[in-house]
Amino acid sequence: RGLVVLSKDPSMAESIRSLTQSLMDL
């Protein structure tokens, strides 16, 4: 839920992209 909120902020895009593999696993 926190990540959904953060992902709405374009400035967080690069940081959240680093979690892509973990999210795909989930």
mmCIF file of all heavy atoms, coordinates in Angstrom:
data_MODEL
# 
_entry.id   MODEL 
# 
loop_
_atom_site.group_PDB 
_atom_site.id 
_atom_site.type_symbol 
_atom_site.label_atom_id 
_atom_site.label_alt_id 
_atom_site.label_comp_id 
_atom_site.label_asym_id 
_atom_site.label_entity_id 
_atom_site.label_seq_id 
_atom_site.pdbx_PDB_ins_code 
_atom_site.Cartn_x 
_atom_site.Cartn_y 
_atom_site.Cartn_z 
_atom_site.occupancy 
_atom_site.B_iso_or_equiv 
_atom_site.pdbx_formal_charge 
_atom_site.auth_seq_id 
_atom_site.auth_comp_id 
_atom_site.auth_asym_id 
_atom_site.auth_atom_id 
_atom_site.pdbx_PDB_model_num 
ATOM 1   N N   . ARG A 1 1  ? 0.843  -1.207  0.000   1.00 0.00 ? 1  ARG A N   1 
ATOM 2   C CA  . ARG A 1 1  ? 0.000  0.000   0.000   1.00 0.00 ? 1  ARG A CA  1 
ATOM 3   C C   . ARG A 1 1  ? 0.873  1.250   0.000   1.00 0.00 ? 1  ARG A C   1 
ATOM 4   O O   . ARG A 1 1  ? 0.591  2.218   -0.708  1.00 0.00 ? 1  ARG A O   1 
ATOM 5   C CB  . ARG A 1 1  ? -0.926 0.003   1.219   1.00 0.00 ? 1  ARG A CB  1 
ATOM 6   C CG  . ARG A 1 1  ? -2.180 -0.816  1.015   1.00 0.00 ? 1  ARG A CG  1 
ATOM 7   C CD  . ARG A 1 1  ? -3.200 -0.662  2.128   1.00 0.00 ? 1  ARG A CD  1 
ATOM 8   N NE  . ARG A 1 1  ? -3.453 0.722   2.483   1.00 0.00 ? 1  ARG A NE  1 
ATOM 9   C CZ  . ARG A 1 1  ? -3.660 1.140   3.743   1.00 0.00 ? 1  ARG A CZ  1 
ATOM 10  N NH1 . ARG A 1 1  ? -3.638 0.281   4.743   1.00 0.00 ? 1  ARG A NH1 1 
ATOM 11  N NH2 . ARG A 1 1  ? -3.904 2.410   3.991   1.00 0.00 ? 1  ARG A NH2 1 
ATOM 12  N N   . GLY A 1 2  ? 1.942  1.219   0.798   1.00 0.00 ? 2  GLY A N   1 
ATOM 13  C CA  . GLY A 1 2  ? 2.876  2.341   0.824   1.00 0.00 ? 2  GLY A CA  1 
ATOM 14  C C   . GLY A 1 2  ? 3.569  2.512   -0.513  1.00 0.00 ? 2  GLY A C   1 
ATOM 15  O O   . GLY A 1 2  ? 3.779  3.630   -0.991  1.00 0.00 ? 2  GLY A O   1 
ATOM 16  N N   . LEU A 1 3  ? 3.915  1.394   -1.135  1.00 0.00 ? 3  LEU A N   1 
ATOM 17  C CA  . LEU A 1 3  ? 4.582  1.438   -2.435  1.00 0.00 ? 3  LEU A CA  1 
ATOM 18  C C   . LEU A 1 3  ? 3.653  1.993   -3.515  1.00 0.00 ? 3  LEU A C   1 
ATOM 19  O O   . LEU A 1 3  ? 4.097  2.709   -4.408  1.00 0.00 ? 3  LEU A O   1 
ATOM 20  C CB  . LEU A 1 3  ? 5.062  0.036   -2.802  1.00 0.00 ? 3  LEU A CB  1 
ATOM 21  C CG  . LEU A 1 3  ? 6.256  -0.081  -3.708  1.00 0.00 ? 3  LEU A CG  1 
ATOM 22  C CD1 . LEU A 1 3  ? 7.420  0.755   -3.217  1.00 0.00 ? 3  LEU A CD1 1 
ATOM 23  C CD2 . LEU A 1 3  ? 6.678  -1.533  -3.826  1.00 0.00 ? 3  LEU A CD2 1 
ATOM 24  N N   . VAL A 1 4  ? 2.373  1.690   -3.424  1.00 0.00 ? 4  VAL A N   1 
ATOM 25  C CA  . VAL A 1 4  ? 1.400  2.249   -4.371  1.00 0.00 ? 4  VAL A CA  1 
ATOM 26  C C   . VAL A 1 4  ? 1.387  3.769   -4.248  1.00 0.00 ? 4  VAL A C   1 
ATOM 27  O O   . VAL A 1 4  ? 1.406  4.483   -5.256  1.00 0.00 ? 4  VAL A O   1 
ATOM 28  C CB  . VAL A 1 4  ? -0.022 1.667   -4.143  1.00 0.00 ? 4  VAL A CB  1 
ATOM 29  C CG1 . VAL A 1 4  ? -1.071 2.451   -4.908  1.00 0.00 ? 4  VAL A CG1 1 
ATOM 30  C CG2 . VAL A 1 4  ? -0.062 0.195   -4.545  1.00 0.00 ? 4  VAL A CG2 1 
ATOM 31  N N   . VAL A 1 5  ? 1.396  4.265   -3.020  1.00 0.00 ? 5  VAL A N   1 
ATOM 32  C CA  . VAL A 1 5  ? 1.412  5.722   -2.801  1.00 0.00 ? 5  VAL A CA  1 
ATOM 33  C C   . VAL A 1 5  ? 2.691  6.321   -3.373  1.00 0.00 ? 5  VAL A C   1 
ATOM 34  O O   . VAL A 1 5  ? 2.658  7.324   -4.086  1.00 0.00 ? 5  VAL A O   1 
ATOM 35  C CB  . VAL A 1 5  ? 1.271  6.047   -1.300  1.00 0.00 ? 5  VAL A CB  1 
ATOM 36  C CG1 . VAL A 1 5  ? 1.472  7.534   -1.049  1.00 0.00 ? 5  VAL A CG1 1 
ATOM 37  C CG2 . VAL A 1 5  ? -0.079 5.596   -0.779  1.00 0.00 ? 5  VAL A CG2 1 
ATOM 38  N N   . LEU A 1 6  ? 3.837  5.704   -3.066  1.00 0.00 ? 6  LEU A N   1 
ATOM 39  C CA  . LEU A 1 6  ? 5.118  6.224   -3.557  1.00 0.00 ? 6  LEU A CA  1 
ATOM 40  C C   . LEU A 1 6  ? 5.214  6.163   -5.077  1.00 0.00 ? 6  LEU A C   1 
ATOM 41  O O   . LEU A 1 6  ? 5.808  7.033   -5.703  1.00 0.00 ? 6  LEU A O   1 
ATOM 42  C CB  . LEU A 1 6  ? 6.284  5.447   -2.939  1.00 0.00 ? 6  LEU A CB  1 
ATOM 43  C CG  . LEU A 1 6  ? 6.543  5.671   -1.456  1.00 0.00 ? 6  LEU A CG  1 
ATOM 44  C CD1 . LEU A 1 6  ? 7.656  4.744   -0.973  1.00 0.00 ? 6  LEU A CD1 1 
ATOM 45  C CD2 . LEU A 1 6  ? 6.890  7.120   -1.170  1.00 0.00 ? 6  LEU A CD2 1 
ATOM 46  N N   . SER A 1 7  ? 4.624  5.140   -5.680  1.00 0.00 ? 7  SER A N   1 
ATOM 47  C CA  . SER A 1 7  ? 4.738  4.974   -7.132  1.00 0.00 ? 7  SER A CA  1 
ATOM 48  C C   . SER A 1 7  ? 3.961  6.029   -7.904  1.00 0.00 ? 7  SER A C   1 
ATOM 49  O O   . SER A 1 7  ? 4.181  6.209   -9.104  1.00 0.00 ? 7  SER A O   1 
ATOM 50  C CB  . SER A 1 7  ? 4.276  3.572   -7.549  1.00 0.00 ? 7  SER A CB  1 
ATOM 51  O OG  . SER A 1 7  ? 2.889  3.406   -7.343  1.00 0.00 ? 7  SER A OG  1 
ATOM 52  N N   . LYS A 1 8  ? 3.088  6.745   -7.242  1.00 0.00 ? 8  LYS A N   1 
ATOM 53  C CA  . LYS A 1 8  ? 2.348  7.829   -7.904  1.00 0.00 ? 8  LYS A CA  1 
ATOM 54  C C   . LYS A 1 8  ? 3.217  9.063   -8.102  1.00 0.00 ? 8  LYS A C   1 
ATOM 55  O O   . LYS A 1 8  ? 2.882  9.929   -8.898  1.00 0.00 ? 8  LYS A O   1 
ATOM 56  C CB  . LYS A 1 8  ? 1.110  8.190   -7.093  1.00 0.00 ? 8  LYS A CB  1 
ATOM 57  C CG  . LYS A 1 8  ? 0.067  7.083   -7.092  1.00 0.00 ? 8  LYS A CG  1 
ATOM 58  C CD  . LYS A 1 8  ? -1.103 7.443   -6.205  1.00 0.00 ? 8  LYS A CD  1 
ATOM 59  C CE  . LYS A 1 8  ? -2.086 6.275   -6.148  1.00 0.00 ? 8  LYS A CE  1 
ATOM 60  N NZ  . LYS A 1 8  ? -3.182 6.553   -5.219  1.00 0.00 ? 8  LYS A NZ  1 
ATOM 61  N N   . ASP A 1 9  ? 4.335  9.132   -7.377  1.00 0.00 ? 9  ASP A N   1 
ATOM 62  C CA  . ASP A 1 9  ? 5.248  10.274  -7.462  1.00 0.00 ? 9  ASP A CA  1 
ATOM 63  C C   . ASP A 1 9  ? 6.299  9.989   -8.538  1.00 0.00 ? 9  ASP A C   1 
ATOM 64  O O   . ASP A 1 9  ? 7.107  9.066   -8.386  1.00 0.00 ? 9  ASP A O   1 
ATOM 65  C CB  . ASP A 1 9  ? 5.911  10.500  -6.106  1.00 0.00 ? 9  ASP A CB  1 
ATOM 66  C CG  . ASP A 1 9  ? 6.840  11.694  -6.088  1.00 0.00 ? 9  ASP A CG  1 
ATOM 67  O OD1 . ASP A 1 9  ? 7.030  12.343  -7.137  1.00 0.00 ? 9  ASP A OD1 1 
ATOM 68  O OD2 . ASP A 1 9  ? 7.391  11.980  -5.009  1.00 0.00 ? 9  ASP A OD2 1 
ATOM 69  N N   . PRO A 1 10 ? 6.317  10.739  -9.639  1.00 0.00 ? 10 PRO A N   1 
ATOM 70  C CA  . PRO A 1 10 ? 7.273  10.498  -10.724 1.00 0.00 ? 10 PRO A CA  1 
ATOM 71  C C   . PRO A 1 10 ? 8.740  10.547  -10.278 1.00 0.00 ? 10 PRO A C   1 
ATOM 72  O O   . PRO A 1 10 ? 9.585  9.877   -10.852 1.00 0.00 ? 10 PRO A O   1 
ATOM 73  C CB  . PRO A 1 10 ? 6.986  11.606  -11.737 1.00 0.00 ? 10 PRO A CB  1 
ATOM 74  C CG  . PRO A 1 10 ? 5.616  12.081  -11.422 1.00 0.00 ? 10 PRO A CG  1 
ATOM 75  C CD  . PRO A 1 10 ? 5.405  11.851  -9.960  1.00 0.00 ? 10 PRO A CD  1 
ATOM 76  N N   . SER A 1 11 ? 9.032  11.309  -9.236  1.00 0.00 ? 11 SER A N   1 
ATOM 77  C CA  . SER A 1 11 ? 10.418 11.396  -8.769  1.00 0.00 ? 11 SER A CA  1 
ATOM 78  C C   . SER A 1 11 ? 10.894 10.096  -8.112  1.00 0.00 ? 11 SER A C   1 
ATOM 79  O O   . SER A 1 11 ? 12.087 9.893   -7.928  1.00 0.00 ? 11 SER A O   1 
ATOM 80  C CB  . SER A 1 11 ? 10.589 12.565  -7.795  1.00 0.00 ? 11 SER A CB  1 
ATOM 81  O OG  . SER A 1 11 ? 9.894  12.316  -6.588  1.00 0.00 ? 11 SER A OG  1 
ATOM 82  N N   . MET A 1 12 ? 9.974  9.211   -7.782  1.00 0.00 ? 12 MET A N   1 
ATOM 83  C CA  . MET A 1 12 ? 10.318 7.935   -7.144  1.00 0.00 ? 12 MET A CA  1 
ATOM 84  C C   . MET A 1 12 ? 10.476 6.803   -8.159  1.00 0.00 ? 12 MET A C   1 
ATOM 85  O O   . MET A 1 12 ? 10.844 5.695   -7.793  1.00 0.00 ? 12 MET A O   1 
ATOM 86  C CB  . MET A 1 12 ? 9.226  7.540   -6.136  1.00 0.00 ? 12 MET A CB  1 
ATOM 87  C CG  . MET A 1 12 ? 9.134  8.436   -4.939  1.00 0.00 ? 12 MET A CG  1 
ATOM 88  S SD  . MET A 1 12 ? 10.630 8.376   -3.936  1.00 0.00 ? 12 MET A SD  1 
ATOM 89  C CE  . MET A 1 12 ? 10.701 6.668   -3.485  1.00 0.00 ? 12 MET A CE  1 
ATOM 90  N N   . ALA A 1 13 ? 10.206 7.084   -9.417  1.00 0.00 ? 13 ALA A N   1 
ATOM 91  C CA  . ALA A 1 13 ? 10.177 6.033   -10.441 1.00 0.00 ? 13 ALA A CA  1 
ATOM 92  C C   . ALA A 1 13 ? 11.462 5.214   -10.487 1.00 0.00 ? 13 ALA A C   1 
ATOM 93  O O   . ALA A 1 13 ? 11.420 3.984   -10.486 1.00 0.00 ? 13 ALA A O   1 
ATOM 94  C CB  . ALA A 1 13 ? 9.886  6.643   -11.805 1.00 0.00 ? 13 ALA A CB  1 
ATOM 95  N N   . GLU A 1 14 ? 12.592 5.870   -10.523 1.00 0.00 ? 14 GLU A N   1 
ATOM 96  C CA  . GLU A 1 14 ? 13.871 5.151   -10.633 1.00 0.00 ? 14 GLU A CA  1 
ATOM 97  C C   . GLU A 1 14 ? 14.129 4.282   -9.413  1.00 0.00 ? 14 GLU A C   1 
ATOM 98  O O   . GLU A 1 14 ? 14.579 3.142   -9.525  1.00 0.00 ? 14 GLU A O   1 
ATOM 99  C CB  . GLU A 1 14 ? 15.012 6.153   -10.830 1.00 0.00 ? 14 GLU A CB  1 
ATOM 100 C CG  . GLU A 1 14 ? 16.317 5.506   -11.231 1.00 0.00 ? 14 GLU A CG  1 
ATOM 101 C CD  . GLU A 1 14 ? 16.232 4.806   -12.581 1.00 0.00 ? 14 GLU A CD  1 
ATOM 102 O OE1 . GLU A 1 14 ? 15.578 5.332   -13.494 1.00 0.00 ? 14 GLU A OE1 1 
ATOM 103 O OE2 . GLU A 1 14 ? 16.829 3.719   -12.716 1.00 0.00 ? 14 GLU A OE2 1 
ATOM 104 N N   . SER A 1 15 ? 13.840 4.798   -8.245  1.00 0.00 ? 15 SER A N   1 
ATOM 105 C CA  . SER A 1 15 ? 14.056 4.033   -7.011  1.00 0.00 ? 15 SER A CA  1 
ATOM 106 C C   . SER A 1 15 ? 13.155 2.807   -6.951  1.00 0.00 ? 15 SER A C   1 
ATOM 107 O O   . SER A 1 15 ? 13.584 1.728   -6.559  1.00 0.00 ? 15 SER A O   1 
ATOM 108 C CB  . SER A 1 15 ? 13.803 4.912   -5.787  1.00 0.00 ? 15 SER A CB  1 
ATOM 109 O OG  . SER A 1 15 ? 14.656 6.019   -5.783  1.00 0.00 ? 15 SER A OG  1 
ATOM 110 N N   . ILE A 1 16 ? 11.909 2.982   -7.340  1.00 0.00 ? 16 ILE A N   1 
ATOM 111 C CA  . ILE A 1 16 ? 10.964 1.859   -7.289  1.00 0.00 ? 16 ILE A CA  1 
ATOM 112 C C   . ILE A 1 16 ? 11.298 0.826   -8.353  1.00 0.00 ? 16 ILE A C   1 
ATOM 113 O O   . ILE A 1 16 ? 11.100 -0.373  -8.146  1.00 0.00 ? 16 ILE A O   1 
ATOM 114 C CB  . ILE A 1 16 ? 9.519  2.373   -7.416  1.00 0.00 ? 16 ILE A CB  1 
ATOM 115 C CG1 . ILE A 1 16 ? 9.169  3.185   -6.163  1.00 0.00 ? 16 ILE A CG1 1 
ATOM 116 C CG2 . ILE A 1 16 ? 8.539  1.229   -7.600  1.00 0.00 ? 16 ILE A CG2 1 
ATOM 117 C CD1 . ILE A 1 16 ? 7.836  3.850   -6.198  1.00 0.00 ? 16 ILE A CD1 1 
ATOM 118 N N   . ARG A 1 17 ? 11.848 1.273   -9.475  1.00 0.00 ? 17 ARG A N   1 
ATOM 119 C CA  . ARG A 1 17 ? 12.229 0.333   -10.533 1.00 0.00 ? 17 ARG A CA  1 
ATOM 120 C C   . ARG A 1 17 ? 13.247 -0.693  -10.039 1.00 0.00 ? 17 ARG A C   1 
ATOM 121 O O   . ARG A 1 17 ? 13.308 -1.804  -10.549 1.00 0.00 ? 17 ARG A O   1 
ATOM 122 C CB  . ARG A 1 17 ? 12.781 1.088   -11.731 1.00 0.00 ? 17 ARG A CB  1 
ATOM 123 C CG  . ARG A 1 17 ? 12.010 0.755   -12.981 1.00 0.00 ? 17 ARG A CG  1 
ATOM 124 C CD  . ARG A 1 17 ? 12.445 1.560   -14.181 1.00 0.00 ? 17 ARG A CD  1 
ATOM 125 N NE  . ARG A 1 17 ? 11.465 2.621   -14.357 1.00 0.00 ? 17 ARG A NE  1 
ATOM 126 C CZ  . ARG A 1 17 ? 11.765 3.904   -14.488 1.00 0.00 ? 17 ARG A CZ  1 
ATOM 127 N NH1 . ARG A 1 17 ? 13.003 4.299   -14.507 1.00 0.00 ? 17 ARG A NH1 1 
ATOM 128 N NH2 . ARG A 1 17 ? 10.815 4.794   -14.629 1.00 0.00 ? 17 ARG A NH2 1 
ATOM 129 N N   . SER A 1 18 ? 14.020 -0.332  -9.030  1.00 0.00 ? 18 SER A N   1 
ATOM 130 C CA  . SER A 1 18 ? 15.002 -1.277  -8.485  1.00 0.00 ? 18 SER A CA  1 
ATOM 131 C C   . SER A 1 18 ? 14.327 -2.448  -7.784  1.00 0.00 ? 18 SER A C   1 
ATOM 132 O O   . SER A 1 18 ? 14.958 -3.472  -7.534  1.00 0.00 ? 18 SER A O   1 
ATOM 133 C CB  . SER A 1 18 ? 15.953 -0.559  -7.520  1.00 0.00 ? 18 SER A CB  1 
ATOM 134 O OG  . SER A 1 18 ? 15.252 -0.135  -6.364  1.00 0.00 ? 18 SER A OG  1 
ATOM 135 N N   . LEU A 1 19 ? 13.050 -2.327  -7.488  1.00 0.00 ? 19 LEU A N   1 
ATOM 136 C CA  . LEU A 1 19 ? 12.300 -3.406  -6.827  1.00 0.00 ? 19 LEU A CA  1 
ATOM 137 C C   . LEU A 1 19 ? 11.541 -4.294  -7.810  1.00 0.00 ? 19 LEU A C   1 
ATOM 138 O O   . LEU A 1 19 ? 10.799 -5.178  -7.392  1.00 0.00 ? 19 LEU A O   1 
ATOM 139 C CB  . LEU A 1 19 ? 11.300 -2.802  -5.834  1.00 0.00 ? 19 LEU A CB  1 
ATOM 140 C CG  . LEU A 1 19 ? 11.882 -1.970  -4.700  1.00 0.00 ? 19 LEU A CG  1 
ATOM 141 C CD1 . LEU A 1 19 ? 10.761 -1.310  -3.915  1.00 0.00 ? 19 LEU A CD1 1 
ATOM 142 C CD2 . LEU A 1 19 ? 12.753 -2.818  -3.805  1.00 0.00 ? 19 LEU A CD2 1 
ATOM 143 N N   . THR A 1 20 ? 11.725 -4.060  -9.092  1.00 0.00 ? 20 THR A N   1 
ATOM 144 C CA  . THR A 1 20 ? 10.945 -4.772  -10.117 1.00 0.00 ? 20 THR A CA  1 
ATOM 145 C C   . THR A 1 20 ? 11.010 -6.286  -9.961  1.00 0.00 ? 20 THR A C   1 
ATOM 146 O O   . THR A 1 20 ? 9.982  -6.963  -9.977  1.00 0.00 ? 20 THR A O   1 
ATOM 147 C CB  . THR A 1 20 ? 11.405 -4.362  -11.532 1.00 0.00 ? 20 THR A CB  1 
ATOM 148 O OG1 . THR A 1 20 ? 11.192 -2.958  -11.689 1.00 0.00 ? 20 THR A OG1 1 
ATOM 149 C CG2 . THR A 1 20 ? 10.659 -5.121  -12.607 1.00 0.00 ? 20 THR A CG2 1 
ATOM 150 N N   . GLN A 1 21 ? 12.201 -6.839  -9.797  1.00 0.00 ? 21 GLN A N   1 
ATOM 151 C CA  . GLN A 1 21 ? 12.329 -8.294  -9.708  1.00 0.00 ? 21 GLN A CA  1 
ATOM 152 C C   . GLN A 1 21 ? 11.626 -8.837  -8.464  1.00 0.00 ? 21 GLN A C   1 
ATOM 153 O O   . GLN A 1 21 ? 10.935 -9.849  -8.531  1.00 0.00 ? 21 GLN A O   1 
ATOM 154 C CB  . GLN A 1 21 ? 13.811 -8.709  -9.712  1.00 0.00 ? 21 GLN A CB  1 
ATOM 155 C CG  . GLN A 1 21 ? 14.010 -10.205 -9.836  1.00 0.00 ? 21 GLN A CG  1 
ATOM 156 C CD  . GLN A 1 21 ? 13.373 -10.786 -11.090 1.00 0.00 ? 21 GLN A CD  1 
ATOM 157 O OE1 . GLN A 1 21 ? 13.590 -10.305 -12.184 1.00 0.00 ? 21 GLN A OE1 1 
ATOM 158 N NE2 . GLN A 1 21 ? 12.564 -11.818 -10.924 1.00 0.00 ? 21 GLN A NE2 1 
ATOM 159 N N   . SER A 1 22 ? 11.782 -8.160  -7.338  1.00 0.00 ? 22 SER A N   1 
ATOM 160 C CA  . SER A 1 22 ? 11.109 -8.600  -6.107  1.00 0.00 ? 22 SER A CA  1 
ATOM 161 C C   . SER A 1 22 ? 9.592  -8.573  -6.279  1.00 0.00 ? 22 SER A C   1 
ATOM 162 O O   . SER A 1 22 ? 8.889  -9.488  -5.842  1.00 0.00 ? 22 SER A O   1 
ATOM 163 C CB  . SER A 1 22 ? 11.483 -7.689  -4.936  1.00 0.00 ? 22 SER A CB  1 
ATOM 164 O OG  . SER A 1 22 ? 12.843 -7.739  -4.689  1.00 0.00 ? 22 SER A OG  1 
ATOM 165 N N   . LEU A 1 23 ? 9.107  -7.530  -6.924  1.00 0.00 ? 23 LEU A N   1 
ATOM 166 C CA  . LEU A 1 23 ? 7.667  -7.425  -7.148  1.00 0.00 ? 23 LEU A CA  1 
ATOM 167 C C   . LEU A 1 23 ? 7.171  -8.491  -8.107  1.00 0.00 ? 23 LEU A C   1 
ATOM 168 O O   . LEU A 1 23 ? 6.096  -9.065  -7.909  1.00 0.00 ? 23 LEU A O   1 
ATOM 169 C CB  . LEU A 1 23 ? 7.315  -6.028  -7.665  1.00 0.00 ? 23 LEU A CB  1 
ATOM 170 C CG  . LEU A 1 23 ? 7.521  -4.887  -6.665  1.00 0.00 ? 23 LEU A CG  1 
ATOM 171 C CD1 . LEU A 1 23 ? 7.315  -3.543  -7.348  1.00 0.00 ? 23 LEU A CD1 1 
ATOM 172 C CD2 . LEU A 1 23 ? 6.598  -5.028  -5.480  1.00 0.00 ? 23 LEU A CD2 1 
ATOM 173 N N   . MET A 1 24 ? 7.943  -8.787  -9.148  1.00 0.00 ? 24 MET A N   1 
ATOM 174 C CA  . MET A 1 24 ? 7.527  -9.836  -10.094 1.00 0.00 ? 24 MET A CA  1 
ATOM 175 C C   . MET A 1 24 ? 7.481  -11.191 -9.395  1.00 0.00 ? 24 MET A C   1 
ATOM 176 O O   . MET A 1 24 ? 6.596  -11.995 -9.674  1.00 0.00 ? 24 MET A O   1 
ATOM 177 C CB  . MET A 1 24 ? 8.457  -9.877  -11.300 1.00 0.00 ? 24 MET A CB  1 
ATOM 178 C CG  . MET A 1 24 ? 8.109  -8.822  -12.313 1.00 0.00 ? 24 MET A CG  1 
ATOM 179 S SD  . MET A 1 24 ? 8.805  -9.088  -13.944 1.00 0.00 ? 24 MET A SD  1 
ATOM 180 C CE  . MET A 1 24 ? 10.513 -8.745  -13.668 1.00 0.00 ? 24 MET A CE  1 
ATOM 181 N N   . ASP A 1 25 ? 8.405  -11.435 -8.491  1.00 0.00 ? 25 ASP A N   1 
ATOM 182 C CA  . ASP A 1 25 ? 8.391  -12.691 -7.740  1.00 0.00 ? 25 ASP A CA  1 
ATOM 183 C C   . ASP A 1 25 ? 7.136  -12.802 -6.876  1.00 0.00 ? 25 ASP A C   1 
ATOM 184 O O   . ASP A 1 25 ? 6.567  -13.884 -6.728  1.00 0.00 ? 25 ASP A O   1 
ATOM 185 C CB  . ASP A 1 25 ? 9.638  -12.809 -6.864  1.00 0.00 ? 25 ASP A CB  1 
ATOM 186 C CG  . ASP A 1 25 ? 10.917 -12.942 -7.680  1.00 0.00 ? 25 ASP A CG  1 
ATOM 187 O OD1 . ASP A 1 25 ? 10.835 -13.272 -8.890  1.00 0.00 ? 25 ASP A OD1 1 
ATOM 188 O OD2 . ASP A 1 25 ? 12.007 -12.700 -7.114  1.00 0.00 ? 25 ASP A OD2 1 
ATOM 189 N N   . LEU A 1 26 ? 6.713  -11.676 -6.317  1.00 0.00 ? 26 LEU A N   1 
ATOM 190 C CA  . LEU A 1 26 ? 5.523  -11.674 -5.460  1.00 0.00 ? 26 LEU A CA  1 
ATOM 191 C C   . LEU A 1 26 ? 4.216  -11.782 -6.247  1.00 0.00 ? 26 LEU A C   1 
ATOM 192 O O   . LEU A 1 26 ? 3.170  -12.037 -5.662  1.00 0.00 ? 26 LEU A O   1 
ATOM 193 C CB  . LEU A 1 26 ? 5.495  -10.407 -4.607  1.00 0.00 ? 26 LEU A CB  1 
ATOM 194 C CG  . LEU A 1 26 ? 6.470  -10.345 -3.439  1.00 0.00 ? 26 LEU A CG  1 
ATOM 195 C CD1 . LEU A 1 26 ? 6.440  -8.966  -2.798  1.00 0.00 ? 26 LEU A CD1 1 
ATOM 196 C CD2 . LEU A 1 26 ? 6.142  -11.412 -2.412  1.00 0.00 ? 26 LEU A CD2 1 
# 
